Amino acid sequence: MCDNIGACCKQYGFAVDAAACAATYKSTLQTLVGMASQNPPVVQYDPQAAGDCVKLTREAALACSLTDAARDVRNQACAKAVHGTKTAGQACNAPIECAPSSDGYPYCQYASGPTPTPVCLGSPPPSPRASQGQECDGTCIGSMGCVMVPGSTGDKGRCYDSDGLYCDKTSKVCVASPAAGQPCAEQMFCAKGSRCSNSTCKAFEPAKIGAPCVDSLECESGAECTNKICAPENLMASKSACSGAP
């Protein structure tokens, strides 16, 4: 990772410190080795998955970004490389302690009841990503994060602008983002390539990958504003990846 991501970091304006990056990864690995050395061990090492993780991470760093499908393949391999030994229903403090669930990822979440206790899950929790017509409590807009509906409790799904949806604060369900020419009430909830002006979505030319930006709303579909530059979604470069900084 640290030896291969330099070009991607420089392309998107991140400082590069390969030594600090390597030190961060080494510290993480030392923590995992300590967990594996306990009796009984909290985690187990899978050399085949570790090899796949390293290979896919190197390829991703050189490519600079990933498709959603490639990201999931890489993340699942890395999740299996060092995985927990606790099974579904056992108490846990963090996902790393849990064996991978049915979707290949570990989950440690609070169980329901009067005295909630975090336990390992055997299957993934309900997805927070809501579809059109489903209940919601917020709208997520790329790297800008999620805007919650006033009075929301946080237990419903989220609508994603990348899916062409936003959470209507009156009905609290995901609805299609208004396109250019349609009425609007909030600037950020117009469809990609348009902005709300005088209560109507007005079209504008989205900035292409590599162009300067202020926020992700300015970037073309499949891109988000990273370090003031329109970059591909699932970009490998970040402050922490490039320099080991938090």
C-alpha atoms as a PDB file:
ATOM      1  CA  MET A   1       0.000   0.000   0.000  1.00  0.00           C
ATOM      2  CA  CYS A   2       2.519   2.618   1.193  1.00  0.00           C
ATOM      3  CA  ASP A   3       4.985   1.925  -1.644  1.00  0.00           C
ATOM      4  CA  ASN A   4       2.342   2.072  -4.369  1.00  0.00           C
ATOM      5  CA  ILE A   5      -0.078   4.861  -3.501  1.00  0.00           C
ATOM      6  CA  GLY A   6       2.305   7.820  -3.906  1.00  0.00           C
ATOM      7  CA  ALA A   7       1.224   8.786  -7.431  1.00  0.00           C
ATOM      8  CA  CYS A   8      -2.451   8.704  -6.448  1.00  0.00           C
ATOM      9  CA  CYS A   9      -1.766  10.857  -3.369  1.00  0.00           C
ATOM     10  CA  LYS A  10       0.114  13.476  -5.379  1.00  0.00           C
ATOM     11  CA  GLN A  11      -2.578  13.548  -8.074  1.00  0.00           C
ATOM     12  CA  TYR A  12      -5.183  14.584  -5.507  1.00  0.00           C
ATOM     13  CA  GLY A  13      -3.032  16.907  -3.426  1.00  0.00           C
ATOM     14  CA  PHE A  14      -2.229  14.743  -0.390  1.00  0.00           C
ATOM     15  CA  ALA A  15       1.178  14.886   1.285  1.00  0.00           C
ATOM     16  CA  VAL A  16       3.119  11.614   0.986  1.00  0.00           C
ATOM     17  CA  ASP A  17       5.089  10.076   3.856  1.00  0.00           C
ATOM     18  CA  ALA A  18       5.716   6.410   3.067  1.00  0.00           C
ATOM     19  CA  ALA A  19       7.652   5.845   6.312  1.00  0.00           C
ATOM     20  CA  ALA A  20       4.826   7.181   8.494  1.00  0.00           C
ATOM     21  CA  CYS A  21       2.296   5.201   6.462  1.00  0.00           C
ATOM     22  CA  ALA A  22       4.315   2.011   7.007  1.00  0.00           C
ATOM     23  CA  ALA A  23       4.655   2.761  10.730  1.00  0.00           C
ATOM     24  CA  THR A  24       0.871   3.085  11.042  1.00  0.00           C
ATOM     25  CA  TYR A  25       0.297  -0.280   9.356  1.00  0.00           C
ATOM     26  CA  LYS A  26       3.042  -1.885  11.473  1.00  0.00           C
ATOM     27  CA  SER A  27       1.415  -0.631  14.675  1.00  0.00           C
ATOM     28  CA  THR A  28      -1.934  -2.079  13.611  1.00  0.00           C
ATOM     29  CA  LEU A  29      -0.343  -5.437  12.775  1.00  0.00           C
ATOM     30  CA  GLN A  30       1.445  -5.543  16.143  1.00  0.00           C
ATOM     31  CA  THR A  31      -1.889  -5.052  17.888  1.00  0.00           C
ATOM     32  CA  LEU A  32      -3.393  -7.930  15.905  1.00  0.00           C
ATOM     33  CA  VAL A  33      -0.406 -10.183  16.660  1.00  0.00           C
ATOM     34  CA  GLY A  34      -0.945  -9.471  20.353  1.00  0.00           C
ATOM     35  CA  MET A  35      -4.608 -10.460  20.069  1.00  0.00           C
ATOM     36  CA  ALA A  36      -3.634 -13.673  18.259  1.00  0.00           C
ATOM     37  CA  SER A  37      -1.117 -14.516  21.008  1.00  0.00           C
ATOM     38  CA  GLN A  38      -3.683 -14.504  23.814  1.00  0.00           C
ATOM     39  CA  ASN A  39      -4.838 -17.791  25.315  1.00  0.00           C
ATOM     40  CA  PRO A  40      -7.322 -18.523  23.916  1.00  0.00           C
ATOM     41  CA  PRO A  41      -6.590 -16.322  20.879  1.00  0.00           C
ATOM     42  CA  VAL A  42      -9.075 -13.544  20.147  1.00  0.00           C
ATOM     43  CA  VAL A  43      -8.240 -13.578  16.419  1.00  0.00           C
ATOM     44  CA  GLN A  44      -6.927 -16.067  13.859  1.00  0.00           C
ATOM     45  CA  TYR A  45      -4.660 -15.527  10.850  1.00  0.00           C
ATOM     46  CA  ASP A  46      -5.622 -16.791   7.371  1.00  0.00           C
ATOM     47  CA  PRO A  47      -2.506 -16.738   5.129  1.00  0.00           C
ATOM     48  CA  GLN A  48      -4.467 -17.287   1.898  1.00  0.00           C
ATOM     49  CA  ALA A  49      -6.821 -14.374   2.624  1.00  0.00           C
ATOM     50  CA  ALA A  50      -3.859 -12.241   3.752  1.00  0.00           C
ATOM     51  CA  GLY A  51      -2.120 -12.858   0.434  1.00  0.00           C
ATOM     52  CA  ASP A  52      -5.281 -11.916  -1.445  1.00  0.00           C
ATOM     53  CA  CYS A  53      -5.654  -8.786   0.698  1.00  0.00           C
ATOM     54  CA  VAL A  54      -2.093  -7.634  -0.025  1.00  0.00           C
ATOM     55  CA  LYS A  55      -2.419  -8.342  -3.766  1.00  0.00           C
ATOM     56  CA  LEU A  56      -5.781  -6.570  -4.110  1.00  0.00           C
ATOM     57  CA  THR A  57      -4.636  -3.623  -1.986  1.00  0.00           C
ATOM     58  CA  ARG A  58      -1.533  -3.171  -4.148  1.00  0.00           C
ATOM     59  CA  GLU A  59      -3.641  -3.271  -7.315  1.00  0.00           C
ATOM     60  CA  ALA A  60      -6.124  -0.795  -5.833  1.00  0.00           C
ATOM     61  CA  ALA A  61      -3.370   1.619  -4.790  1.00  0.00           C
ATOM     62  CA  LEU A  62      -1.881   1.579  -8.287  1.00  0.00           C
ATOM     63  CA  ALA A  63      -5.318   2.010  -9.887  1.00  0.00           C
ATOM     64  CA  CYS A  64      -6.035   4.883  -7.450  1.00  0.00           C
ATOM     65  CA  SER A  65      -9.751   4.042  -7.132  1.00  0.00           C
ATOM     66  CA  LEU A  66     -12.094   1.059  -7.035  1.00  0.00           C
ATOM     67  CA  THR A  67     -15.494   0.094  -8.335  1.00  0.00           C
ATOM     68  CA  ASP A  68     -18.028  -0.824  -5.634  1.00  0.00           C
ATOM     69  CA  ALA A  69     -17.717  -4.512  -6.587  1.00  0.00           C
ATOM     70  CA  ALA A  70     -13.892  -4.486  -6.481  1.00  0.00           C
ATOM     71  CA  ARG A  71     -13.975  -2.646  -3.147  1.00  0.00           C
ATOM     72  CA  ASP A  72     -16.215  -5.328  -1.631  1.00  0.00           C
ATOM     73  CA  VAL A  73     -13.969  -8.156  -2.895  1.00  0.00           C
ATOM     74  CA  ARG A  74     -10.881  -6.476  -1.420  1.00  0.00           C
ATOM     75  CA  ASN A  75     -12.550  -5.603   1.884  1.00  0.00           C
ATOM     76  CA  GLN A  76     -13.856  -9.138   2.363  1.00  0.00           C
ATOM     77  CA  ALA A  77     -10.410 -10.638   1.708  1.00  0.00           C
ATOM     78  CA  CYS A  78      -8.835  -8.261   4.220  1.00  0.00           C
ATOM     79  CA  ALA A  79     -11.593  -8.949   6.765  1.00  0.00           C
ATOM     80  CA  LYS A  80     -10.827 -12.688   6.553  1.00  0.00           C
ATOM     81  CA  ALA A  81      -7.041 -12.232   6.736  1.00  0.00           C
ATOM     82  CA  VAL A  82      -7.181 -11.638  10.485  1.00  0.00           C
ATOM     83  CA  HIS A  83     -10.588 -12.509  11.855  1.00  0.00           C
ATOM     84  CA  GLY A  84     -12.185 -13.051  15.225  1.00  0.00           C
ATOM     85  CA  THR A  85     -12.918 -16.386  16.861  1.00  0.00           C
ATOM     86  CA  LYS A  86     -16.176 -15.477  18.610  1.00  0.00           C
ATOM     87  CA  THR A  87     -19.369 -16.798  17.052  1.00  0.00           C
ATOM     88  CA  ALA A  88     -22.861 -15.327  16.763  1.00  0.00           C
ATOM     89  CA  GLY A  89     -24.353 -14.428  20.139  1.00  0.00           C
ATOM     90  CA  GLN A  90     -21.057 -14.228  22.044  1.00  0.00           C
ATOM     91  CA  ALA A  91     -20.213 -10.977  23.821  1.00  0.00           C
ATOM     92  CA  CYS A  92     -17.709  -8.738  22.030  1.00  0.00           C
ATOM     93  CA  ASN A  93     -15.990  -5.369  22.327  1.00  0.00           C
ATOM     94  CA  ALA A  94     -15.189  -4.773  18.643  1.00  0.00           C
ATOM     95  CA  PRO A  95     -15.938  -6.382  15.239  1.00  0.00           C
ATOM     96  CA  ILE A  96     -12.372  -7.720  14.961  1.00  0.00           C
ATOM     97  CA  GLU A  97     -13.206 -10.207  17.754  1.00  0.00           C
ATOM     98  CA  CYS A  98     -16.051 -11.763  15.721  1.00  0.00           C
ATOM     99  CA  ALA A  99     -15.919 -14.444  13.051  1.00  0.00           C
ATOM    100  CA  PRO A 100     -17.067 -13.192   9.631  1.00  0.00           C
ATOM    101  CA  SER A 101     -20.845 -13.252   9.207  1.00  0.00           C
ATOM    102  CA  SER A 102     -22.743 -14.635   6.213  1.00  0.00           C
ATOM    103  CA  ASP A 103     -21.674 -11.674   4.029  1.00  0.00           C
ATOM    104  CA  GLY A 104     -17.973 -12.026   4.862  1.00  0.00           C
ATOM    105  CA  TYR A 105     -17.781  -9.129   7.320  1.00  0.00           C
ATOM    106  CA  PRO A 106     -17.672  -9.253  11.144  1.00  0.00           C
ATOM    107  CA  TYR A 107     -20.302  -7.393  13.171  1.00  0.00           C
ATOM    108  CA  CYS A 108     -20.343  -6.510  16.879  1.00  0.00           C
ATOM    109  CA  GLN A 109     -23.526  -4.698  17.839  1.00  0.00           C
ATOM    110  CA  TYR A 110     -25.798  -4.155  20.812  1.00  0.00           C
ATOM    111  CA  ALA A 111     -28.543  -6.704  21.312  1.00  0.00           C
ATOM    112  CA  SER A 112     -32.045  -5.577  22.222  1.00  0.00           C
ATOM    113  CA  GLY A 113     -33.311  -5.773  25.778  1.00  0.00           C
ATOM    114  CA  PRO A 114     -33.330  -3.836  29.043  1.00  0.00           C
ATOM    115  CA  THR A 115     -29.540  -4.203  29.475  1.00  0.00           C
ATOM    116  CA  PRO A 116     -28.059  -4.081  25.958  1.00  0.00           C
ATOM    117  CA  THR A 117     -24.832  -6.003  25.459  1.00  0.00           C
ATOM    118  CA  PRO A 118     -22.677  -5.980  22.306  1.00  0.00           C
ATOM    119  CA  VAL A 119     -22.672  -9.417  20.669  1.00  0.00           C
ATOM    120  CA  CYS A 120     -21.327 -10.929  17.455  1.00  0.00           C
ATOM    121  CA  LEU A 121     -23.870 -11.234  14.656  1.00  0.00           C
ATOM    122  CA  GLY A 122     -24.163 -14.229  12.335  1.00  0.00           C
ATOM    123  CA  SER A 123     -25.692 -12.169   9.542  1.00  0.00           C
ATOM    124  CA  PRO A 124     -25.372  -8.504   8.572  1.00  0.00           C
ATOM    125  CA  PRO A 125     -27.634  -5.980  10.312  1.00  0.00           C
ATOM    126  CA  PRO A 126     -30.344  -4.277   8.251  1.00  0.00           C
ATOM    127  CA  SER A 127     -28.798  -1.975   5.660  1.00  0.00           C
ATOM    128  CA  PRO A 128     -29.099   1.735   6.493  1.00  0.00           C
ATOM    129  CA  ARG A 129     -29.362   2.435   2.756  1.00  0.00           C
ATOM    130  CA  ALA A 130     -33.058   2.875   1.978  1.00  0.00           C
ATOM    131  CA  SER A 131     -34.702   2.494  -1.433  1.00  0.00           C
ATOM    132  CA  GLN A 132     -37.346   4.693  -3.026  1.00  0.00           C
ATOM    133  CA  GLY A 133     -40.570   4.570  -1.000  1.00  0.00           C
ATOM    134  CA  GLN A 134     -38.916   3.233   2.170  1.00  0.00           C
ATOM    135  CA  GLU A 135     -38.914   5.032   5.523  1.00  0.00           C
ATOM    136  CA  CYS A 136     -35.949   7.310   6.144  1.00  0.00           C
ATOM    137  CA  ASP A 137     -34.513   9.810   8.585  1.00  0.00           C
ATOM    138  CA  GLY A 138     -31.818  11.498   6.493  1.00  0.00           C
ATOM    139  CA  THR A 139     -30.115  12.090   3.156  1.00  0.00           C
ATOM    140  CA  CYS A 140     -26.462  11.153   2.535  1.00  0.00           C
ATOM    141  CA  ILE A 141     -24.468  13.202   0.045  1.00  0.00           C
ATOM    142  CA  GLY A 142     -21.057  11.723  -0.762  1.00  0.00           C
ATOM    143  CA  SER A 143     -18.188  12.979   1.384  1.00  0.00           C
ATOM    144  CA  MET A 144     -20.435  15.728   2.778  1.00  0.00           C
ATOM    145  CA  GLY A 145     -22.048  13.169   5.066  1.00  0.00           C
ATOM    146  CA  CYS A 146     -25.715  12.784   5.974  1.00  0.00           C
ATOM    147  CA  VAL A 147     -28.288  15.500   6.627  1.00  0.00           C
ATOM    148  CA  MET A 148     -30.844  14.279   9.151  1.00  0.00           C
ATOM    149  CA  VAL A 149     -34.556  15.087   9.100  1.00  0.00           C
ATOM    150  CA  PRO A 150     -35.505  17.330  12.069  1.00  0.00           C
ATOM    151  CA  GLY A 151     -36.763  15.225  14.959  1.00  0.00           C
ATOM    152  CA  SER A 152     -35.365  11.959  13.568  1.00  0.00           C
ATOM    153  CA  THR A 153     -34.418   9.172  15.956  1.00  0.00           C
ATOM    154  CA  GLY A 154     -31.667   7.680  13.783  1.00  0.00           C
ATOM    155  CA  ASP A 155     -33.261   4.227  13.586  1.00  0.00           C
ATOM    156  CA  LYS A 156     -34.542   4.465  10.006  1.00  0.00           C
ATOM    157  CA  GLY A 157     -32.763   4.119   6.665  1.00  0.00           C
ATOM    158  CA  ARG A 158     -30.867   6.822   4.797  1.00  0.00           C
ATOM    159  CA  CYS A 159     -31.499   7.988   1.239  1.00  0.00           C
ATOM    160  CA  TYR A 160     -28.415   8.489  -0.957  1.00  0.00           C
ATOM    161  CA  ASP A 161     -28.098  11.217  -3.548  1.00  0.00           C
ATOM    162  CA  SER A 162     -25.920   8.834  -5.591  1.00  0.00           C
ATOM    163  CA  ASP A 163     -29.090   6.716  -5.966  1.00  0.00           C
ATOM    164  CA  GLY A 164     -31.011   9.803  -7.119  1.00  0.00           C
ATOM    165  CA  LEU A 165     -32.990   9.955  -3.862  1.00  0.00           C
ATOM    166  CA  TYR A 166     -33.519  12.239  -0.882  1.00  0.00           C
ATOM    167  CA  CYS A 167     -35.481  11.911   2.366  1.00  0.00           C
ATOM    168  CA  ASP A 168     -38.658  13.980   2.222  1.00  0.00           C
ATOM    169  CA  LYS A 169     -38.957  15.633   5.647  1.00  0.00           C
ATOM    170  CA  THR A 170     -42.761  15.620   5.526  1.00  0.00           C
ATOM    171  CA  SER A 171     -43.498  12.027   4.503  1.00  0.00           C
ATOM    172  CA  LYS A 172     -40.148  10.702   5.835  1.00  0.00           C
ATOM    173  CA  VAL A 173     -39.760   8.332   2.892  1.00  0.00           C
ATOM    174  CA  CYS A 174     -37.142   8.272   0.125  1.00  0.00           C
ATOM    175  CA  VAL A 175     -38.323  10.071  -3.003  1.00  0.00           C
ATOM    176  CA  ALA A 176     -36.673  10.844  -6.334  1.00  0.00           C
ATOM    177  CA  SER A 177     -34.546  13.998  -6.369  1.00  0.00           C
ATOM    178  CA  PRO A 178     -36.191  16.687  -8.555  1.00  0.00           C
ATOM    179  CA  ALA A 179     -34.546  17.148 -11.956  1.00  0.00           C
ATOM    180  CA  ALA A 180     -33.793  20.398 -13.787  1.00  0.00           C
ATOM    181  CA  GLY A 181     -36.997  22.366 -14.312  1.00  0.00           C
ATOM    182  CA  GLN A 182     -38.840  20.794 -11.394  1.00  0.00           C
ATOM    183  CA  PRO A 183     -39.740  22.669  -8.174  1.00  0.00           C
ATOM    184  CA  CYS A 184     -37.413  22.335  -5.200  1.00  0.00           C
ATOM    185  CA  ALA A 185     -37.095  23.485  -1.618  1.00  0.00           C
ATOM    186  CA  GLU A 186     -33.510  22.634  -0.685  1.00  0.00           C
ATOM    187  CA  GLN A 187     -30.450  23.179  -2.870  1.00  0.00           C
ATOM    188  CA  MET A 188     -28.704  19.922  -2.089  1.00  0.00           C
ATOM    189  CA  PHE A 189     -31.688  17.762  -2.957  1.00  0.00           C
ATOM    190  CA  CYS A 190     -31.841  18.546  -6.677  1.00  0.00           C
ATOM    191  CA  ALA A 191     -30.689  15.728  -8.960  1.00  0.00           C
ATOM    192  CA  LYS A 192     -27.006  15.570  -9.891  1.00  0.00           C
ATOM    193  CA  GLY A 193     -26.141  18.326 -12.348  1.00  0.00           C
ATOM    194  CA  SER A 194     -28.704  20.823 -11.055  1.00  0.00           C
ATOM    195  CA  ARG A 195     -29.089  23.260  -8.170  1.00  0.00           C
ATOM    196  CA  CYS A 196     -32.096  24.818  -6.469  1.00  0.00           C
ATOM    197  CA  SER A 197     -32.493  28.479  -7.466  1.00  0.00           C
ATOM    198  CA  ASN A 198     -35.654  30.502  -6.820  1.00  0.00           C
ATOM    199  CA  SER A 199     -37.495  27.284  -5.886  1.00  0.00           C
ATOM    200  CA  THR A 200     -36.645  25.564  -9.202  1.00  0.00           C
ATOM    201  CA  CYS A 201     -33.868  23.096 -10.018  1.00  0.00           C
ATOM    202  CA  LYS A 202     -31.576  24.741 -12.583  1.00  0.00           C
ATOM    203  CA  ALA A 203     -29.153  22.703 -14.694  1.00  0.00           C
ATOM    204  CA  PHE A 204     -25.405  23.376 -14.647  1.00  0.00           C
ATOM    205  CA  GLU A 205     -22.397  21.584 -16.121  1.00  0.00           C
ATOM    206  CA  PRO A 206     -20.970  19.213 -13.479  1.00  0.00           C
ATOM    207  CA  ALA A 207     -17.216  19.382 -12.902  1.00  0.00           C
ATOM    208  CA  LYS A 208     -15.311  16.410 -14.292  1.00  0.00           C
ATOM    209  CA  ILE A 209     -12.795  14.270 -12.420  1.00  0.00           C
ATOM    210  CA  GLY A 210      -9.644  16.305 -11.813  1.00  0.00           C
ATOM    211  CA  ALA A 211     -11.442  19.665 -11.839  1.00  0.00           C
ATOM    212  CA  PRO A 212     -11.472  21.921  -8.742  1.00  0.00           C
ATOM    213  CA  CYS A 213     -14.565  21.844  -6.513  1.00  0.00           C
ATOM    214  CA  VAL A 214     -16.025  23.194  -3.289  1.00  0.00           C
ATOM    215  CA  ASP A 215     -18.395  20.304  -2.534  1.00  0.00           C
ATOM    216  CA  SER A 216     -19.473  16.986  -4.050  1.00  0.00           C
ATOM    217  CA  LEU A 217     -22.620  18.519  -5.536  1.00  0.00           C
ATOM    218  CA  GLU A 218     -20.425  20.203  -8.151  1.00  0.00           C
ATOM    219  CA  CYS A 219     -18.859  16.946  -9.380  1.00  0.00           C
ATOM    220  CA  GLU A 220     -20.106  14.664 -12.135  1.00  0.00           C
ATOM    221  CA  SER A 221     -21.860  11.375 -11.402  1.00  0.00           C
ATOM    222  CA  GLY A 222     -19.462   8.794  -9.952  1.00  0.00           C
ATOM    223  CA  ALA A 223     -17.228  11.466  -8.404  1.00  0.00           C
ATOM    224  CA  GLU A 224     -17.034  13.370  -5.132  1.00  0.00           C
ATOM    225  CA  CYS A 225     -15.106  16.391  -3.944  1.00  0.00           C
ATOM    226  CA  THR A 226     -11.921  15.229  -2.192  1.00  0.00           C
ATOM    227  CA  ASN A 227      -9.322  17.740  -1.034  1.00  0.00           C
ATOM    228  CA  LYS A 228     -11.054  20.362  -3.243  1.00  0.00           C
ATOM    229  CA  ILE A 229     -10.672  18.180  -6.375  1.00  0.00           C
ATOM    230  CA  CYS A 230     -13.381  16.081  -8.070  1.00  0.00           C
ATOM    231  CA  ALA A 231     -12.132  12.532  -7.557  1.00  0.00           C
ATOM    232  CA  PRO A 232     -13.541   9.071  -8.323  1.00  0.00           C
ATOM    233  CA  GLU A 233     -15.720   7.524  -5.633  1.00  0.00           C
ATOM    234  CA  ASN A 234     -13.884   4.862  -3.584  1.00  0.00           C
ATOM    235  CA  LEU A 235     -10.616   6.788  -3.977  1.00  0.00           C
ATOM    236  CA  MET A 236      -7.686   5.013  -2.312  1.00  0.00           C
ATOM    237  CA  ALA A 237      -5.847   8.235  -1.463  1.00  0.00           C
ATOM    238  CA  SER A 238      -6.651   9.996   1.805  1.00  0.00           C
ATOM    239  CA  LYS A 239      -4.755  11.932   4.461  1.00  0.00           C
ATOM    240  CA  SER A 240      -4.274   8.818   6.594  1.00  0.00           C
ATOM    241  CA  ALA A 241      -3.455   6.473   3.690  1.00  0.00           C
ATOM    242  CA  CYS A 242      -0.881   8.852   2.213  1.00  0.00           C
ATOM    243  CA  SER A 243       0.916  10.069   5.315  1.00  0.00           C
ATOM    244  CA  GLY A 244      -0.160   7.833   8.181  1.00  0.00           C
ATOM    245  CA  ALA A 245      -1.845  10.829   9.820  1.00  0.00           C
ATOM    246  CA  PRO A 246      -5.128  10.366  11.757  1.00  0.00           C
END
